[in-house]
Amino acid sequence: MDALLAAAKQFARDDEGITAIEYGLIAAVMAAAVLASVALLKQPLIDTFTGIGNKLTSP
């Protein structure tokens, strides 16, 4: 039982994995920002490219 408590205390003091958690959080925030920007800009981009496509195909 003492070995288990000692291992748990050592795990709590170990800060090696903190950087991995931080990188994971940064990646999650960046993914959320990309998804939000795509959701906000989807229709204006569709309209812009549709307009460009129409101008290219019409004489």
PDB file of N, CA and C in Angstrom:
ATOM      1  N   MET A   1       0.820  -1.190   0.000  1.00  0.00           N
ATOM      2  CA  MET A   1       0.000   0.000   0.000  1.00  0.00           C
ATOM      3  C   MET A   1       0.867   1.258   0.000  1.00  0.00           C
ATOM      4  N   ASP A   2       1.978   1.202   0.775  1.00  0.00           N
ATOM      5  CA  ASP A   2       2.879   2.351   0.820  1.00  0.00           C
ATOM      6  C   ASP A   2       3.541   2.588  -0.536  1.00  0.00           C
ATOM      7  N   ALA A   3       3.831   1.511  -1.233  1.00  0.00           N
ATOM      8  CA  ALA A   3       4.452   1.643  -2.555  1.00  0.00           C
ATOM      9  C   ALA A   3       3.486   2.301  -3.537  1.00  0.00           C
ATOM     10  N   LEU A   4       2.215   1.970  -3.423  1.00  0.00           N
ATOM     11  CA  LEU A   4       1.204   2.571  -4.288  1.00  0.00           C
ATOM     12  C   LEU A   4       1.074   4.066  -4.002  1.00  0.00           C
ATOM     13  N   LEU A   5       1.054   4.441  -2.739  1.00  0.00           N
ATOM     14  CA  LEU A   5       0.978   5.860  -2.370  1.00  0.00           C
ATOM     15  C   LEU A   5       2.225   6.606  -2.830  1.00  0.00           C
ATOM     16  N   ALA A   6       3.377   5.991  -2.670  1.00  0.00           N
ATOM     17  CA  ALA A   6       4.629   6.628  -3.102  1.00  0.00           C
ATOM     18  C   ALA A   6       4.627   6.815  -4.619  1.00  0.00           C
ATOM     19  N   ALA A   7       4.133   5.827  -5.350  1.00  0.00           N
ATOM     20  CA  ALA A   7       4.074   5.933  -6.804  1.00  0.00           C
ATOM     21  C   ALA A   7       3.093   7.030  -7.220  1.00  0.00           C
ATOM     22  N   ALA A   8       1.965   7.143  -6.534  1.00  0.00           N
ATOM     23  CA  ALA A   8       0.983   8.177  -6.848  1.00  0.00           C
ATOM     24  C   ALA A   8       1.546   9.566  -6.558  1.00  0.00           C
ATOM     25  N   LYS A   9       2.273   9.711  -5.458  1.00  0.00           N
ATOM     26  CA  LYS A   9       2.894  10.999  -5.136  1.00  0.00           C
ATOM     27  C   LYS A   9       3.953  11.373  -6.161  1.00  0.00           C
ATOM     28  N   GLN A  10       4.742  10.383  -6.579  1.00  0.00           N
ATOM     29  CA  GLN A  10       5.771  10.640  -7.594  1.00  0.00           C
ATOM     30  C   GLN A  10       5.121  11.041  -8.907  1.00  0.00           C
ATOM     31  N   PHE A  11       4.029  10.383  -9.265  1.00  0.00           N
ATOM     32  CA  PHE A  11       3.318  10.712 -10.496  1.00  0.00           C
ATOM     33  C   PHE A  11       2.759  12.131 -10.436  1.00  0.00           C
ATOM     34  N   ALA A  12       2.248  12.543  -9.279  1.00  0.00           N
ATOM     35  CA  ALA A  12       1.696  13.894  -9.130  1.00  0.00           C
ATOM     36  C   ALA A  12       2.793  14.950  -9.211  1.00  0.00           C
ATOM     37  N   ARG A  13       3.999  14.631  -8.726  1.00  0.00           N
ATOM     38  CA  ARG A  13       5.104  15.594  -8.769  1.00  0.00           C
ATOM     39  C   ARG A  13       5.788  15.644 -10.122  1.00  0.00           C
ATOM     40  N   ASP A  14       5.634  14.606 -10.918  1.00  0.00           N
ATOM     41  CA  ASP A  14       6.312  14.520 -12.216  1.00  0.00           C
ATOM     42  C   ASP A  14       5.699  15.529 -13.177  1.00  0.00           C
ATOM     43  N   ASP A  15       6.536  16.426 -13.711  1.00  0.00           N
ATOM     44  CA  ASP A  15       6.024  17.447 -14.625  1.00  0.00           C
ATOM     45  C   ASP A  15       6.475  17.210 -16.056  1.00  0.00           C
ATOM     46  N   GLU A  16       6.944  16.024 -16.370  1.00  0.00           N
ATOM     47  CA  GLU A  16       7.387  15.697 -17.726  1.00  0.00           C
ATOM     48  C   GLU A  16       6.217  15.696 -18.708  1.00  0.00           C
ATOM     49  N   GLY A  17       5.062  15.220 -18.279  1.00  0.00           N
ATOM     50  CA  GLY A  17       3.923  15.106 -19.175  1.00  0.00           C
ATOM     51  C   GLY A  17       3.153  16.400 -19.354  1.00  0.00           C
ATOM     52  N   ILE A  18       3.507  17.424 -18.612  1.00  0.00           N
ATOM     53  CA  ILE A  18       2.766  18.684 -18.698  1.00  0.00           C
ATOM     54  C   ILE A  18       2.913  19.305 -20.081  1.00  0.00           C
ATOM     55  N   THR A  19       4.089  19.232 -20.667  1.00  0.00           N
ATOM     56  CA  THR A  19       4.263  19.829 -21.985  1.00  0.00           C
ATOM     57  C   THR A  19       3.405  19.121 -23.026  1.00  0.00           C
ATOM     58  N   ALA A  20       3.255  17.817 -22.923  1.00  0.00           N
ATOM     59  CA  ALA A  20       2.401  17.083 -23.855  1.00  0.00           C
ATOM     60  C   ALA A  20       0.958  17.525 -23.700  1.00  0.00           C
ATOM     61  N   ILE A  21       0.520  17.742 -22.478  1.00  0.00           N
ATOM     62  CA  ILE A  21      -0.842  18.214 -22.241  1.00  0.00           C
ATOM     63  C   ILE A  21      -1.009  19.611 -22.810  1.00  0.00           C
ATOM     64  N   GLU A  22      -0.024  20.459 -22.621  1.00  0.00           N
ATOM     65  CA  GLU A  22      -0.100  21.814 -23.159  1.00  0.00           C
ATOM     66  C   GLU A  22      -0.178  21.801 -24.677  1.00  0.00           C
ATOM     67  N   TYR A  23       0.646  20.965 -25.320  1.00  0.00           N
ATOM     68  CA  TYR A  23       0.594  20.865 -26.778  1.00  0.00           C
ATOM     69  C   TYR A  23      -0.762  20.343 -27.235  1.00  0.00           C
ATOM     70  N   GLY A  24      -1.312  19.421 -26.513  1.00  0.00           N
ATOM     71  CA  GLY A  24      -2.643  18.910 -26.843  1.00  0.00           C
ATOM     72  C   GLY A  24      -3.709  19.983 -26.735  1.00  0.00           C
ATOM     73  N   LEU A  25      -3.625  20.796 -25.689  1.00  0.00           N
ATOM     74  CA  LEU A  25      -4.588  21.889 -25.535  1.00  0.00           C
ATOM     75  C   LEU A  25      -4.432  22.937 -26.631  1.00  0.00           C
ATOM     76  N   ILE A  26      -3.196  23.245 -26.993  1.00  0.00           N
ATOM     77  CA  ILE A  26      -2.961  24.206 -28.077  1.00  0.00           C
ATOM     78  C   ILE A  26      -3.532  23.669 -29.383  1.00  0.00           C
ATOM     79  N   ALA A  27      -3.315  22.402 -29.661  1.00  0.00           N
ATOM     80  CA  ALA A  27      -3.844  21.795 -30.888  1.00  0.00           C
ATOM     81  C   ALA A  27      -5.368  21.819 -30.895  1.00  0.00           C
ATOM     82  N   ALA A  28      -5.975  21.569 -29.748  1.00  0.00           N
ATOM     83  CA  ALA A  28      -7.437  21.591 -29.667  1.00  0.00           C
ATOM     84  C   ALA A  28      -7.978  22.993 -29.902  1.00  0.00           C
ATOM     85  N   VAL A  29      -7.326  24.002 -29.337  1.00  0.00           N
ATOM     86  CA  VAL A  29      -7.771  25.384 -29.541  1.00  0.00           C
ATOM     87  C   VAL A  29      -7.596  25.797 -30.999  1.00  0.00           C
ATOM     88  N   MET A  30      -6.489  25.389 -31.606  1.00  0.00           N
ATOM     89  CA  MET A  30      -6.269  25.724 -33.015  1.00  0.00           C
ATOM     90  C   MET A  30      -7.299  25.033 -33.908  1.00  0.00           C
ATOM     91  N   ALA A  31      -7.613  23.787 -33.615  1.00  0.00           N
ATOM     92  CA  ALA A  31      -8.623  23.072 -34.400  1.00  0.00           C
ATOM     93  C   ALA A  31      -9.984  23.737 -34.261  1.00  0.00           C
ATOM     94  N   ALA A  32     -10.325  24.170 -33.056  1.00  0.00           N
ATOM     95  CA  ALA A  32     -11.601  24.859 -32.847  1.00  0.00           C
ATOM     96  C   ALA A  32     -11.627  26.180 -33.604  1.00  0.00           C
ATOM     97  N   ALA A  33     -10.513  26.892 -33.644  1.00  0.00           N
ATOM     98  CA  ALA A  33     -10.452  28.164 -34.377  1.00  0.00           C
ATOM     99  C   ALA A  33     -10.601  27.941 -35.877  1.00  0.00           C
ATOM    100  N   VAL A  34      -9.972  26.898 -36.399  1.00  0.00           N
ATOM    101  CA  VAL A  34     -10.096  26.603 -37.828  1.00  0.00           C
ATOM    102  C   VAL A  34     -11.530  26.224 -38.169  1.00  0.00           C
ATOM    103  N   LEU A  35     -12.142  25.391 -37.351  1.00  0.00           N
ATOM    104  CA  LEU A  35     -13.524  24.992 -37.606  1.00  0.00           C
ATOM    105  C   LEU A  35     -14.476  26.179 -37.519  1.00  0.00           C
ATOM    106  N   ALA A  36     -14.264  27.058 -36.561  1.00  0.00           N
ATOM    107  CA  ALA A  36     -15.118  28.233 -36.428  1.00  0.00           C
ATOM    108  C   ALA A  36     -14.953  29.174 -37.616  1.00  0.00           C
ATOM    109  N   SER A  37     -13.727  29.363 -38.077  1.00  0.00           N
ATOM    110  CA  SER A  37     -13.508  30.263 -39.215  1.00  0.00           C
ATOM    111  C   SER A  37     -14.091  29.679 -40.496  1.00  0.00           C
ATOM    112  N   VAL A  38     -13.985  28.374 -40.669  1.00  0.00           N
ATOM    113  CA  VAL A  38     -14.585  27.741 -41.843  1.00  0.00           C
ATOM    114  C   VAL A  38     -16.100  27.872 -41.793  1.00  0.00           C
ATOM    115  N   ALA A  39     -16.681  27.692 -40.625  1.00  0.00           N
ATOM    116  CA  ALA A  39     -18.128  27.811 -40.489  1.00  0.00           C
ATOM    117  C   ALA A  39     -18.586  29.240 -40.773  1.00  0.00           C
ATOM    118  N   LEU A  40     -17.817  30.225 -40.338  1.00  0.00           N
ATOM    119  CA  LEU A  40     -18.198  31.623 -40.561  1.00  0.00           C
ATOM    120  C   LEU A  40     -17.978  32.068 -42.003  1.00  0.00           C
ATOM    121  N   LEU A  41     -16.948  31.560 -42.650  1.00  0.00           N
ATOM    122  CA  LEU A  41     -16.592  32.021 -43.990  1.00  0.00           C
ATOM    123  C   LEU A  41     -17.099  31.118 -45.108  1.00  0.00           C
ATOM    124  N   LYS A  42     -17.827  30.075 -44.769  1.00  0.00           N
ATOM    125  CA  LYS A  42     -18.251  29.108 -45.770  1.00  0.00           C
ATOM    126  C   LYS A  42     -19.104  29.755 -46.864  1.00  0.00           C
ATOM    127  N   GLN A  43     -20.172  30.412 -46.504  1.00  0.00           N
ATOM    128  CA  GLN A  43     -21.075  30.978 -47.500  1.00  0.00           C
ATOM    129  C   GLN A  43     -20.435  32.108 -48.302  1.00  0.00           C
ATOM    130  N   PRO A  44     -19.723  33.053 -47.689  1.00  0.00           N
ATOM    131  CA  PRO A  44     -19.057  34.074 -48.513  1.00  0.00           C
ATOM    132  C   PRO A  44     -18.060  33.483 -49.511  1.00  0.00           C
ATOM    133  N   LEU A  45     -17.340  32.439 -49.121  1.00  0.00           N
ATOM    134  CA  LEU A  45     -16.408  31.804 -50.046  1.00  0.00           C
ATOM    135  C   LEU A  45     -17.146  31.111 -51.183  1.00  0.00           C
ATOM    136  N   ILE A  46     -18.240  30.448 -50.876  1.00  0.00           N
ATOM    137  CA  ILE A  46     -19.035  29.802 -51.919  1.00  0.00           C
ATOM    138  C   ILE A  46     -19.545  30.848 -52.904  1.00  0.00           C
ATOM    139  N   ASP A  47     -20.068  31.959 -52.394  1.00  0.00           N
ATOM    140  CA  ASP A  47     -20.572  33.016 -53.260  1.00  0.00           C
ATOM    141  C   ASP A  47     -19.460  33.611 -54.131  1.00  0.00           C
ATOM    142  N   THR A  48     -18.317  33.846 -53.552  1.00  0.00           N
ATOM    143  CA  THR A  48     -17.195  34.425 -54.302  1.00  0.00           C
ATOM    144  C   THR A  48     -16.741  33.498 -55.424  1.00  0.00           C
ATOM    145  N   PHE A  49     -16.531  32.231 -55.113  1.00  0.00           N
ATOM    146  CA  PHE A  49     -16.060  31.308 -56.133  1.00  0.00           C
ATOM    147  C   PHE A  49     -17.136  31.011 -57.174  1.00  0.00           C
ATOM    148  N   THR A  50     -18.396  31.032 -56.778  1.00  0.00           N
ATOM    149  CA  THR A  50     -19.475  30.860 -57.742  1.00  0.00           C
ATOM    150  C   THR A  50     -19.507  32.043 -58.710  1.00  0.00           C
ATOM    151  N   GLY A  51     -19.341  33.249 -58.186  1.00  0.00           N
ATOM    152  CA  GLY A  51     -19.304  34.437 -59.035  1.00  0.00           C
ATOM    153  C   GLY A  51     -18.127  34.412 -59.995  1.00  0.00           C
ATOM    154  N   ILE A  52     -16.972  33.996 -59.520  1.00  0.00           N
ATOM    155  CA  ILE A  52     -15.796  33.897 -60.388  1.00  0.00           C
ATOM    156  C   ILE A  52     -16.027  32.834 -61.451  1.00  0.00           C
ATOM    157  N   GLY A  53     -16.599  31.701 -61.070  1.00  0.00           N
ATOM    158  CA  GLY A  53     -16.882  30.644 -62.027  1.00  0.00           C
ATOM    159  C   GLY A  53     -17.886  31.072 -63.088  1.00  0.00           C
ATOM    160  N   ASN A  54     -18.897  31.834 -62.685  1.00  0.00           N
ATOM    161  CA  ASN A  54     -19.884  32.319 -63.639  1.00  0.00           C
ATOM    162  C   ASN A  54     -19.257  33.299 -64.623  1.00  0.00           C
ATOM    163  N   LYS A  55     -18.369  34.139 -64.147  1.00  0.00           N
ATOM    164  CA  LYS A  55     -17.713  35.104 -65.032  1.00  0.00           C
ATOM    165  C   LYS A  55     -16.756  34.424 -65.996  1.00  0.00           C
ATOM    166  N   LEU A  56     -16.158  33.337 -65.569  1.00  0.00           N
ATOM    167  CA  LEU A  56     -15.234  32.621 -66.456  1.00  0.00           C
ATOM    168  C   LEU A  56     -15.966  31.859 -67.552  1.00  0.00           C
ATOM    169  N   THR A  57     -17.143  31.340 -67.259  1.00  0.00           N
ATOM    170  CA  THR A  57     -17.873  30.541 -68.253  1.00  0.00           C
ATOM    171  C   THR A  57     -18.730  31.420 -69.175  1.00  0.00           C
ATOM    172  N   SER A  58     -19.118  32.601 -68.769  1.00  0.00           N
ATOM    173  CA  SER A  58     -19.951  33.465 -69.635  1.00  0.00           C
ATOM    174  C   SER A  58     -19.067  34.314 -70.542  1.00  0.00           C
ATOM    175  N   PRO A  59     -19.535  34.590 -71.780  1.00  0.00           N
ATOM    176  CA  PRO A  59     -18.713  35.379 -72.722  1.00  0.00           C
ATOM    177  C   PRO A  59     -18.661  36.839 -72.355  1.00  0.00           C
TER     178      PRO A  59
END
